Amino acid sequence: MLFAQPAVTDERKAFYERIDRDSLTPLWEVLGNLVPPRPATPCVPALWRYEQMRPYLMEAGRLISAREAERRVLVLENPGLRGASSITHSLYAGLQLIL
């Protein structure tokens, strides 16, 4: 869905300037940026099989003690979001070793 942006009249511009002083903005001016015509995400499908991850988890347990790390967790990172420590823009997941 494409959103037509209403014409900016002098009266509207003055209104936008007034509401801007109170940290407000009209949705109809920015909706096209917030709701793209089609989904766009850097996230890619990913699958972490426990039987493949468990050896890493156990090795992490040998390499770092519970005293050294508050939480011994291997974070599941979406390949499209490397460095973000998340599987999507709004979800975090990890495998925690508790011994």
PDB file of N, CA and C in Angstrom:
ATOM      1  N   MET A   1       0.845  -1.172   0.000  1.00  0.00           N
ATOM      2  CA  MET A   1       0.000   0.000   0.000  1.00  0.00           C
ATOM      3  C   MET A   1       0.892   1.236   0.000  1.00  0.00           C
ATOM      4  N   LEU A   2       0.631   2.136  -0.907  1.00  0.00           N
ATOM      5  CA  LEU A   2       1.376   3.387  -0.962  1.00  0.00           C
ATOM      6  C   LEU A   2       0.555   4.484  -0.307  1.00  0.00           C
ATOM      7  N   PHE A   3       1.243   5.333   0.413  1.00  0.00           N
ATOM      8  CA  PHE A   3       0.564   6.404   1.124  1.00  0.00           C
ATOM      9  C   PHE A   3       0.878   7.726   0.439  1.00  0.00           C
ATOM     10  N   ALA A   4      -0.164   8.410  -0.006  1.00  0.00           N
ATOM     11  CA  ALA A   4       0.021   9.724  -0.619  1.00  0.00           C
ATOM     12  C   ALA A   4       0.264  10.740   0.492  1.00  0.00           C
ATOM     13  N   GLN A   5       1.271  11.550   0.299  1.00  0.00           N
ATOM     14  CA  GLN A   5       1.582  12.564   1.307  1.00  0.00           C
ATOM     15  C   GLN A   5       0.783  13.827   0.988  1.00  0.00           C
ATOM     16  N   PRO A   6       0.022  14.325   1.947  1.00  0.00           N
ATOM     17  CA  PRO A   6      -0.781  15.534   1.707  1.00  0.00           C
ATOM     18  C   PRO A   6       0.110  16.738   1.398  1.00  0.00           C
ATOM     19  N   ALA A   7      -0.436  17.652   0.634  1.00  0.00           N
ATOM     20  CA  ALA A   7       0.298  18.875   0.308  1.00  0.00           C
ATOM     21  C   ALA A   7       0.571  19.667   1.583  1.00  0.00           C
ATOM     22  N   VAL A   8       1.733  20.310   1.617  1.00  0.00           N
ATOM     23  CA  VAL A   8       2.093  21.130   2.780  1.00  0.00           C
ATOM     24  C   VAL A   8       1.723  22.575   2.466  1.00  0.00           C
ATOM     25  N   THR A   9       0.689  23.033   3.119  1.00  0.00           N
ATOM     26  CA  THR A   9       0.257  24.429   2.969  1.00  0.00           C
ATOM     27  C   THR A   9       0.971  25.273   4.024  1.00  0.00           C
ATOM     28  N   ASP A  10       0.896  26.576   3.880  1.00  0.00           N
ATOM     29  CA  ASP A  10       1.512  27.463   4.874  1.00  0.00           C
ATOM     30  C   ASP A  10       0.907  27.229   6.256  1.00  0.00           C
ATOM     31  N   GLU A  11      -0.408  27.033   6.286  1.00  0.00           N
ATOM     32  CA  GLU A  11      -1.088  26.806   7.566  1.00  0.00           C
ATOM     33  C   GLU A  11      -0.610  25.496   8.209  1.00  0.00           C
ATOM     34  N   ARG A  12      -0.479  24.457   7.397  1.00  0.00           N
ATOM     35  CA  ARG A  12       0.007  23.171   7.921  1.00  0.00           C
ATOM     36  C   ARG A  12       1.457  23.286   8.383  1.00  0.00           C
ATOM     37  N   LYS A  13       2.266  23.972   7.597  1.00  0.00           N
ATOM     38  CA  LYS A  13       3.675  24.138   7.970  1.00  0.00           C
ATOM     39  C   LYS A  13       3.797  24.842   9.320  1.00  0.00           C
ATOM     40  N   ALA A  14       3.007  25.876   9.531  1.00  0.00           N
ATOM     41  CA  ALA A  14       3.023  26.594  10.815  1.00  0.00           C
ATOM     42  C   ALA A  14       2.590  25.667  11.948  1.00  0.00           C
ATOM     43  N   PHE A  15       1.579  24.847  11.673  1.00  0.00           N
ATOM     44  CA  PHE A  15       1.117  23.880  12.674  1.00  0.00           C
ATOM     45  C   PHE A  15       2.229  22.882  13.000  1.00  0.00           C
ATOM     46  N   TYR A  16       2.882  22.351  11.969  1.00  0.00           N
ATOM     47  CA  TYR A  16       3.965  21.378  12.186  1.00  0.00           C
ATOM     48  C   TYR A  16       5.088  21.989  13.025  1.00  0.00           C
ATOM     49  N   GLU A  17       5.395  23.247  12.775  1.00  0.00           N
ATOM     50  CA  GLU A  17       6.441  23.924  13.545  1.00  0.00           C
ATOM     51  C   GLU A  17       6.031  24.083  15.009  1.00  0.00           C
ATOM     52  N   ARG A  18       4.753  24.385  15.242  1.00  0.00           N
ATOM     53  CA  ARG A  18       4.277  24.534  16.625  1.00  0.00           C
ATOM     54  C   ARG A  18       4.328  23.205  17.373  1.00  0.00           C
ATOM     55  N   ILE A  19       3.844  22.157  16.746  1.00  0.00           N
ATOM     56  CA  ILE A  19       3.819  20.870  17.455  1.00  0.00           C
ATOM     57  C   ILE A  19       5.224  20.291  17.613  1.00  0.00           C
ATOM     58  N   ASP A  20       6.131  20.673  16.715  1.00  0.00           N
ATOM     59  CA  ASP A  20       7.517  20.205  16.816  1.00  0.00           C
ATOM     60  C   ASP A  20       8.164  20.667  18.117  1.00  0.00           C
ATOM     61  N   ARG A  21       7.786  21.826  18.603  1.00  0.00           N
ATOM     62  CA  ARG A  21       8.350  22.342  19.860  1.00  0.00           C
ATOM     63  C   ARG A  21       8.010  21.441  21.046  1.00  0.00           C
ATOM     64  N   ASP A  22       6.942  20.660  20.912  1.00  0.00           N
ATOM     65  CA  ASP A  22       6.563  19.713  21.965  1.00  0.00           C
ATOM     66  C   ASP A  22       6.869  18.268  21.563  1.00  0.00           C
ATOM     67  N   SER A  23       7.825  18.125  20.648  1.00  0.00           N
ATOM     68  CA  SER A  23       8.294  16.803  20.196  1.00  0.00           C
ATOM     69  C   SER A  23       7.171  15.953  19.611  1.00  0.00           C
ATOM     70  N   LEU A  24       6.362  16.559  18.779  1.00  0.00           N
ATOM     71  CA  LEU A  24       5.289  15.856  18.070  1.00  0.00           C
ATOM     72  C   LEU A  24       5.548  15.944  16.576  1.00  0.00           C
ATOM     73  N   THR A  25       5.075  14.948  15.856  1.00  0.00           N
ATOM     74  CA  THR A  25       5.144  14.979  14.397  1.00  0.00           C
ATOM     75  C   THR A  25       3.890  14.317  13.846  1.00  0.00           C
ATOM     76  N   PRO A  26       3.365  14.790  12.729  1.00  0.00           N
ATOM     77  CA  PRO A  26       2.148  14.200  12.177  1.00  0.00           C
ATOM     78  C   PRO A  26       2.451  12.872  11.475  1.00  0.00           C
ATOM     79  N   LEU A  27       1.715  11.857  11.840  1.00  0.00           N
ATOM     80  CA  LEU A  27       1.929  10.533  11.254  1.00  0.00           C
ATOM     81  C   LEU A  27       1.764  10.558   9.742  1.00  0.00           C
ATOM     82  N   TRP A  28       0.817  11.332   9.240  1.00  0.00           N
ATOM     83  CA  TRP A  28       0.564  11.345   7.801  1.00  0.00           C
ATOM     84  C   TRP A  28       1.751  11.866   7.007  1.00  0.00           C
ATOM     85  N   GLU A  29       2.685  12.518   7.674  1.00  0.00           N
ATOM     86  CA  GLU A  29       3.881  13.004   6.991  1.00  0.00           C
ATOM     87  C   GLU A  29       4.999  11.958   6.950  1.00  0.00           C
ATOM     88  N   VAL A  30       4.946  10.969   7.823  1.00  0.00           N
ATOM     89  CA  VAL A  30       6.043   9.998   7.917  1.00  0.00           C
ATOM     90  C   VAL A  30       5.603   8.550   7.726  1.00  0.00           C
ATOM     91  N   LEU A  31       4.311   8.312   7.540  1.00  0.00           N
ATOM     92  CA  LEU A  31       3.801   6.943   7.470  1.00  0.00           C
ATOM     93  C   LEU A  31       4.464   6.132   6.364  1.00  0.00           C
ATOM     94  N   GLY A  32       4.736   6.744   5.245  1.00  0.00           N
ATOM     95  CA  GLY A  32       5.398   6.036   4.145  1.00  0.00           C
ATOM     96  C   GLY A  32       6.757   5.479   4.536  1.00  0.00           C
ATOM     97  N   ASN A  33       7.462   6.155   5.444  1.00  0.00           N
ATOM     98  CA  ASN A  33       8.763   5.671   5.917  1.00  0.00           C
ATOM     99  C   ASN A  33       8.613   4.561   6.950  1.00  0.00           C
ATOM    100  N   LEU A  34       7.520   4.589   7.703  1.00  0.00           N
ATOM    101  CA  LEU A  34       7.310   3.606   8.765  1.00  0.00           C
ATOM    102  C   LEU A  34       6.717   2.304   8.252  1.00  0.00           C
ATOM    103  N   VAL A  35       5.907   2.391   7.210  1.00  0.00           N
ATOM    104  CA  VAL A  35       5.233   1.216   6.663  1.00  0.00           C
ATOM    105  C   VAL A  35       5.656   1.076   5.201  1.00  0.00           C
ATOM    106  N   PRO A  36       6.702   0.301   4.935  1.00  0.00           N
ATOM    107  CA  PRO A  36       7.174   0.156   3.555  1.00  0.00           C
ATOM    108  C   PRO A  36       6.170  -0.637   2.708  1.00  0.00           C
ATOM    109  N   PRO A  37       6.233  -0.480   1.398  1.00  0.00           N
ATOM    110  CA  PRO A  37       5.302  -1.191   0.518  1.00  0.00           C
ATOM    111  C   PRO A  37       5.390  -2.710   0.661  1.00  0.00           C
ATOM    112  N   ARG A  38       6.560  -3.215   0.982  1.00  0.00           N
ATOM    113  CA  ARG A  38       6.728  -4.651   1.222  1.00  0.00           C
ATOM    114  C   ARG A  38       7.741  -4.825   2.348  1.00  0.00           C
ATOM    115  N   PRO A  39       7.636  -5.919   3.079  1.00  0.00           N
ATOM    116  CA  PRO A  39       8.565  -6.131   4.195  1.00  0.00           C
ATOM    117  C   PRO A  39      10.023  -6.075   3.730  1.00  0.00           C
ATOM    118  N   ALA A  40      10.839  -5.460   4.533  1.00  0.00           N
ATOM    119  CA  ALA A  40      12.269  -5.374   4.242  1.00  0.00           C
ATOM    120  C   ALA A  40      13.016  -5.610   5.545  1.00  0.00           C
ATOM    121  N   THR A  41      13.765  -6.681   5.600  1.00  0.00           N
ATOM    122  CA  THR A  41      14.519  -6.998   6.808  1.00  0.00           C
ATOM    123  C   THR A  41      15.832  -7.656   6.427  1.00  0.00           C
ATOM    124  N   PRO A  42      16.874  -7.389   7.178  1.00  0.00           N
ATOM    125  CA  PRO A  42      18.129  -8.087   6.923  1.00  0.00           C
ATOM    126  C   PRO A  42      18.133  -9.502   7.513  1.00  0.00           C
ATOM    127  N   CYS A  43      17.123  -9.831   8.321  1.00  0.00           N
ATOM    128  CA  CYS A  43      17.052 -11.159   8.939  1.00  0.00           C
ATOM    129  C   CYS A  43      16.904 -12.234   7.870  1.00  0.00           C
ATOM    130  N   VAL A  44      17.561 -13.347   8.106  1.00  0.00           N
ATOM    131  CA  VAL A  44      17.452 -14.487   7.200  1.00  0.00           C
ATOM    132  C   VAL A  44      17.034 -15.708   8.009  1.00  0.00           C
ATOM    133  N   PRO A  45      16.420 -16.692   7.372  1.00  0.00           N
ATOM    134  CA  PRO A  45      16.042 -17.899   8.101  1.00  0.00           C
ATOM    135  C   PRO A  45      17.283 -18.576   8.684  1.00  0.00           C
ATOM    136  N   ALA A  46      17.168 -19.053   9.900  1.00  0.00           N
ATOM    137  CA  ALA A  46      18.290 -19.730  10.557  1.00  0.00           C
ATOM    138  C   ALA A  46      17.744 -20.812  11.474  1.00  0.00           C
ATOM    139  N   LEU A  47      18.533 -21.860  11.651  1.00  0.00           N
ATOM    140  CA  LEU A  47      18.141 -22.975  12.502  1.00  0.00           C
ATOM    141  C   LEU A  47      19.355 -23.403  13.311  1.00  0.00           C
ATOM    142  N   TRP A  48      19.177 -23.495  14.612  1.00  0.00           N
ATOM    143  CA  TRP A  48      20.233 -23.954  15.502  1.00  0.00           C
ATOM    144  C   TRP A  48      19.775 -25.277  16.110  1.00  0.00           C
ATOM    145  N   ARG A  49      20.357 -26.359  15.690  1.00  0.00           N
ATOM    146  CA  ARG A  49      19.992 -27.676  16.222  1.00  0.00           C
ATOM    147  C   ARG A  49      20.784 -27.927  17.505  1.00  0.00           C
ATOM    148  N   TYR A  50      20.058 -28.282  18.556  1.00  0.00           N
ATOM    149  CA  TYR A  50      20.702 -28.465  19.856  1.00  0.00           C
ATOM    150  C   TYR A  50      21.834 -29.479  19.783  1.00  0.00           C
ATOM    151  N   GLU A  51      21.628 -30.577  19.068  1.00  0.00           N
ATOM    152  CA  GLU A  51      22.680 -31.604  19.008  1.00  0.00           C
ATOM    153  C   GLU A  51      23.953 -31.073  18.348  1.00  0.00           C
ATOM    154  N   GLN A  52      23.847 -30.042  17.541  1.00  0.00           N
ATOM    155  CA  GLN A  52      25.034 -29.417  16.947  1.00  0.00           C
ATOM    156  C   GLN A  52      25.604 -28.328  17.857  1.00  0.00           C
ATOM    157  N   MET A  53      24.773 -27.696  18.642  1.00  0.00           N
ATOM    158  CA  MET A  53      25.201 -26.602  19.511  1.00  0.00           C
ATOM    159  C   MET A  53      25.746 -27.097  20.850  1.00  0.00           C
ATOM    160  N   ARG A  54      25.275 -28.232  21.322  1.00  0.00           N
ATOM    161  CA  ARG A  54      25.656 -28.740  22.645  1.00  0.00           C
ATOM    162  C   ARG A  54      27.169 -28.881  22.815  1.00  0.00           C
ATOM    163  N   PRO A  55      27.906 -29.419  21.841  1.00  0.00           N
ATOM    164  CA  PRO A  55      29.361 -29.497  22.032  1.00  0.00           C
ATOM    165  C   PRO A  55      30.004 -28.128  22.274  1.00  0.00           C
ATOM    166  N   TYR A  56      29.528 -27.096  21.593  1.00  0.00           N
ATOM    167  CA  TYR A  56      30.056 -25.745  21.823  1.00  0.00           C
ATOM    168  C   TYR A  56      29.729 -25.268  23.233  1.00  0.00           C
ATOM    169  N   LEU A  57      28.533 -25.558  23.675  1.00  0.00           N
ATOM    170  CA  LEU A  57      28.101 -25.165  25.011  1.00  0.00           C
ATOM    171  C   LEU A  57      28.963 -25.843  26.070  1.00  0.00           C
ATOM    172  N   MET A  58      29.218 -27.120  25.890  1.00  0.00           N
ATOM    173  CA  MET A  58      30.040 -27.854  26.851  1.00  0.00           C
ATOM    174  C   MET A  58      31.493 -27.361  26.819  1.00  0.00           C
ATOM    175  N   GLU A  59      31.997 -27.056  25.638  1.00  0.00           N
ATOM    176  CA  GLU A  59      33.360 -26.525  25.532  1.00  0.00           C
ATOM    177  C   GLU A  59      33.452 -25.161  26.213  1.00  0.00           C
ATOM    178  N   ALA A  60      32.438 -24.335  26.031  1.00  0.00           N
ATOM    179  CA  ALA A  60      32.410 -23.032  26.703  1.00  0.00           C
ATOM    180  C   ALA A  60      32.461 -23.224  28.212  1.00  0.00           C
ATOM    181  N   GLY A  61      31.787 -24.266  28.711  1.00  0.00           N
ATOM    182  CA  GLY A  61      31.802 -24.560  30.143  1.00  0.00           C
ATOM    183  C   GLY A  61      33.178 -24.945  30.649  1.00  0.00           C
ATOM    184  N   ARG A  62      33.968 -25.553  29.794  1.00  0.00           N
ATOM    185  CA  ARG A  62      35.348 -25.905  30.176  1.00  0.00           C
ATOM    186  C   ARG A  62      36.278 -24.697  30.088  1.00  0.00           C
ATOM    187  N   LEU A  63      35.990 -23.802  29.142  1.00  0.00           N
ATOM    188  CA  LEU A  63      36.879 -22.664  28.900  1.00  0.00           C
ATOM    189  C   LEU A  63      36.670 -21.494  29.857  1.00  0.00           C
ATOM    190  N   ILE A  64      35.456 -21.313  30.331  1.00  0.00           N
ATOM    191  CA  ILE A  64      35.172 -20.181  31.218  1.00  0.00           C
ATOM    192  C   ILE A  64      34.312 -20.663  32.380  1.00  0.00           C
ATOM    193  N   SER A  65      34.708 -20.289  33.570  1.00  0.00           N
ATOM    194  CA  SER A  65      33.995 -20.764  34.766  1.00  0.00           C
ATOM    195  C   SER A  65      32.784 -19.877  35.062  1.00  0.00           C
ATOM    196  N   ALA A  66      31.899 -20.393  35.886  1.00  0.00           N
ATOM    197  CA  ALA A  66      30.733 -19.615  36.311  1.00  0.00           C
ATOM    198  C   ALA A  66      31.173 -18.395  37.115  1.00  0.00           C
ATOM    199  N   ARG A  67      32.321 -18.493  37.763  1.00  0.00           N
ATOM    200  CA  ARG A  67      32.857 -17.363  38.524  1.00  0.00           C
ATOM    201  C   ARG A  67      33.333 -16.238  37.600  1.00  0.00           C
ATOM    202  N   GLU A  68      33.855 -16.630  36.444  1.00  0.00           N
ATOM    203  CA  GLU A  68      34.386 -15.645  35.490  1.00  0.00           C
ATOM    204  C   GLU A  68      33.290 -14.951  34.680  1.00  0.00           C
ATOM    205  N   ALA A  69      32.219 -15.655  34.422  1.00  0.00           N
ATOM    206  CA  ALA A  69      31.141 -15.096  33.596  1.00  0.00           C
ATOM    207  C   ALA A  69      29.839 -15.164  34.381  1.00  0.00           C
ATOM    208  N   GLU A  70      29.182 -14.046  34.488  1.00  0.00           N
ATOM    209  CA  GLU A  70      27.914 -14.035  35.224  1.00  0.00           C
ATOM    210  C   GLU A  70      26.919 -15.011  34.600  1.00  0.00           C
ATOM    211  N   ARG A  71      26.919 -15.053  33.272  1.00  0.00           N
ATOM    212  CA  ARG A  71      26.048 -15.996  32.558  1.00  0.00           C
ATOM    213  C   ARG A  71      26.851 -16.641  31.439  1.00  0.00           C
ATOM    214  N   ARG A  72      26.939 -17.944  31.476  1.00  0.00           N
ATOM    215  CA  ARG A  72      27.614 -18.644  30.382  1.00  0.00           C
ATOM    216  C   ARG A  72      26.558 -18.962  29.327  1.00  0.00           C
ATOM    217  N   VAL A  73      26.426 -18.050  28.395  1.00  0.00           N
ATOM    218  CA  VAL A  73      25.395 -18.148  27.361  1.00  0.00           C
ATOM    219  C   VAL A  73      26.043 -18.007  25.990  1.00  0.00           C
ATOM    220  N   LEU A  74      25.660 -18.871  25.089  1.00  0.00           N
ATOM    221  CA  LEU A  74      26.015 -18.697  23.688  1.00  0.00           C
ATOM    222  C   LEU A  74      24.791 -18.079  23.015  1.00  0.00           C
ATOM    223  N   VAL A  75      24.967 -16.867  22.527  1.00  0.00           N
ATOM    224  CA  VAL A  75      23.869 -16.112  21.925  1.00  0.00           C
ATOM    225  C   VAL A  75      23.620 -16.623  20.509  1.00  0.00           C
ATOM    226  N   LEU A  76      22.355 -16.849  20.192  1.00  0.00           N
ATOM    227  CA  LEU A  76      21.976 -17.223  18.837  1.00  0.00           C
ATOM    228  C   LEU A  76      21.837 -15.931  18.037  1.00  0.00           C
ATOM    229  N   GLU A  77      22.708 -15.746  17.055  1.00  0.00           N
ATOM    230  CA  GLU A  77      22.689 -14.526  16.245  1.00  0.00           C
ATOM    231  C   GLU A  77      22.205 -14.842  14.839  1.00  0.00           C
ATOM    232  N   ASN A  78      21.209 -14.110  14.408  1.00  0.00           N
ATOM    233  CA  ASN A  78      20.744 -14.266  13.041  1.00  0.00           C
ATOM    234  C   ASN A  78      21.899 -13.916  12.107  1.00  0.00           C
ATOM    235  N   PRO A  79      22.179 -14.748  11.100  1.00  0.00           N
ATOM    236  CA  PRO A  79      23.287 -14.455  10.184  1.00  0.00           C
ATOM    237  C   PRO A  79      23.168 -13.095   9.498  1.00  0.00           C
ATOM    238  N   GLY A  80      21.964 -12.596   9.346  1.00  0.00           N
ATOM    239  CA  GLY A  80      21.774 -11.278   8.744  1.00  0.00           C
ATOM    240  C   GLY A  80      21.916 -10.136   9.728  1.00  0.00           C
ATOM    241  N   LEU A  81      22.077 -10.450  11.014  1.00  0.00           N
ATOM    242  CA  LEU A  81      22.203  -9.426  12.062  1.00  0.00           C
ATOM    243  C   LEU A  81      23.466  -9.636  12.890  1.00  0.00           C
ATOM    244  N   ARG A  82      24.538 -10.100  12.274  1.00  0.00           N
ATOM    245  CA  ARG A  82      25.761 -10.367  13.029  1.00  0.00           C
ATOM    246  C   ARG A  82      26.189  -9.135  13.812  1.00  0.00           C
ATOM    247  N   GLY A  83      26.534  -9.364  15.077  1.00  0.00           N
ATOM    248  CA  GLY A  83      26.946  -8.274  15.952  1.00  0.00           C
ATOM    249  C   GLY A  83      25.805  -7.653  16.735  1.00  0.00           C
ATOM    250  N   ALA A  84      24.564  -7.997  16.409  1.00  0.00           N
ATOM    251  CA  ALA A  84      23.407  -7.418  17.097  1.00  0.00           C
ATOM    252  C   ALA A  84      22.966  -8.253  18.295  1.00  0.00           C
ATOM    253  N   SER A  85      23.520  -9.447  18.459  1.00  0.00           N
ATOM    254  CA  SER A  85      23.163 -10.346  19.569  1.00  0.00           C
ATOM    255  C   SER A  85      21.669 -10.631  19.627  1.00  0.00           C
ATOM    256  N   SER A  86      21.065 -10.867  18.477  1.00  0.00           N
ATOM    257  CA  SER A  86      19.635 -11.174  18.459  1.00  0.00           C
ATOM    258  C   SER A  86      19.289 -12.035  17.247  1.00  0.00           C
ATOM    259  N   ILE A  87      18.114 -12.679  17.328  1.00  0.00           N
ATOM    260  CA  ILE A  87      17.675 -13.494  16.199  1.00  0.00           C
ATOM    261  C   ILE A  87      16.737 -12.718  15.274  1.00  0.00           C
ATOM    262  N   THR A  88      16.127 -11.651  15.790  1.00  0.00           N
ATOM    263  CA  THR A  88      15.371 -10.687  14.984  1.00  0.00           C
ATOM    264  C   THR A  88      15.623  -9.323  15.618  1.00  0.00           C
ATOM    265  N   HIS A  89      15.009  -8.298  15.063  1.00  0.00           N
ATOM    266  CA  HIS A  89      15.188  -6.962  15.649  1.00  0.00           C
ATOM    267  C   HIS A  89      14.607  -6.864  17.051  1.00  0.00           C
ATOM    268  N   SER A  90      13.708  -7.779  17.409  1.00  0.00           N
ATOM    269  CA  SER A  90      13.056  -7.668  18.715  1.00  0.00           C
ATOM    270  C   SER A  90      13.147  -8.931  19.573  1.00  0.00           C
ATOM    271  N   LEU A  91      13.906  -9.929  19.139  1.00  0.00           N
ATOM    272  CA  LEU A  91      14.021 -11.166  19.916  1.00  0.00           C
ATOM    273  C   LEU A  91      15.472 -11.527  20.180  1.00  0.00           C
ATOM    274  N   TYR A  92      15.739 -11.884  21.424  1.00  0.00           N
ATOM    275  CA  TYR A  92      17.050 -12.359  21.857  1.00  0.00           C
ATOM    276  C   TYR A  92      16.877 -13.817  22.252  1.00  0.00           C
ATOM    277  N   ALA A  93      17.853 -14.648  21.922  1.00  0.00           N
ATOM    278  CA  ALA A  93      17.797 -16.048  22.343  1.00  0.00           C
ATOM    279  C   ALA A  93      19.218 -16.535  22.581  1.00  0.00           C
ATOM    280  N   GLY A  94      19.351 -17.467  23.497  1.00  0.00           N
ATOM    281  CA  GLY A  94      20.665 -18.013  23.779  1.00  0.00           C
ATOM    282  C   GLY A  94      20.555 -19.365  24.450  1.00  0.00           C
ATOM    283  N   LEU A  95      21.662 -20.066  24.462  1.00  0.00           N
ATOM    284  CA  LEU A  95      21.767 -21.346  25.159  1.00  0.00           C
ATOM    285  C   LEU A  95      22.643 -21.113  26.376  1.00  0.00           C
ATOM    286  N   GLN A  96      22.117 -21.405  27.552  1.00  0.00           N
ATOM    287  CA  GLN A  96      22.836 -21.143  28.794  1.00  0.00           C
ATOM    288  C   GLN A  96      23.272 -22.441  29.437  1.00  0.00           C
ATOM    289  N   LEU A  97      24.522 -22.459  29.890  1.00  0.00           N
ATOM    290  CA  LEU A  97      25.063 -23.609  30.599  1.00  0.00           C
ATOM    291  C   LEU A  97      24.972 -23.351  32.093  1.00  0.00           C
ATOM    292  N   ILE A  98      24.249 -24.212  32.780  1.00  0.00           N
ATOM    293  CA  ILE A  98      24.119 -24.106  34.234  1.00  0.00           C
ATOM    294  C   ILE A  98      24.606 -25.418  34.818  1.00  0.00           C
ATOM    295  N   LEU A  99      25.700 -25.357  35.540  1.00  0.00           N
ATOM    296  CA  LEU A  99      26.256 -26.557  36.184  1.00  0.00           C
ATOM    297  C   LEU A  99      26.345 -26.352  37.673  1.00  0.00           C
TER     298      LEU A  99
END
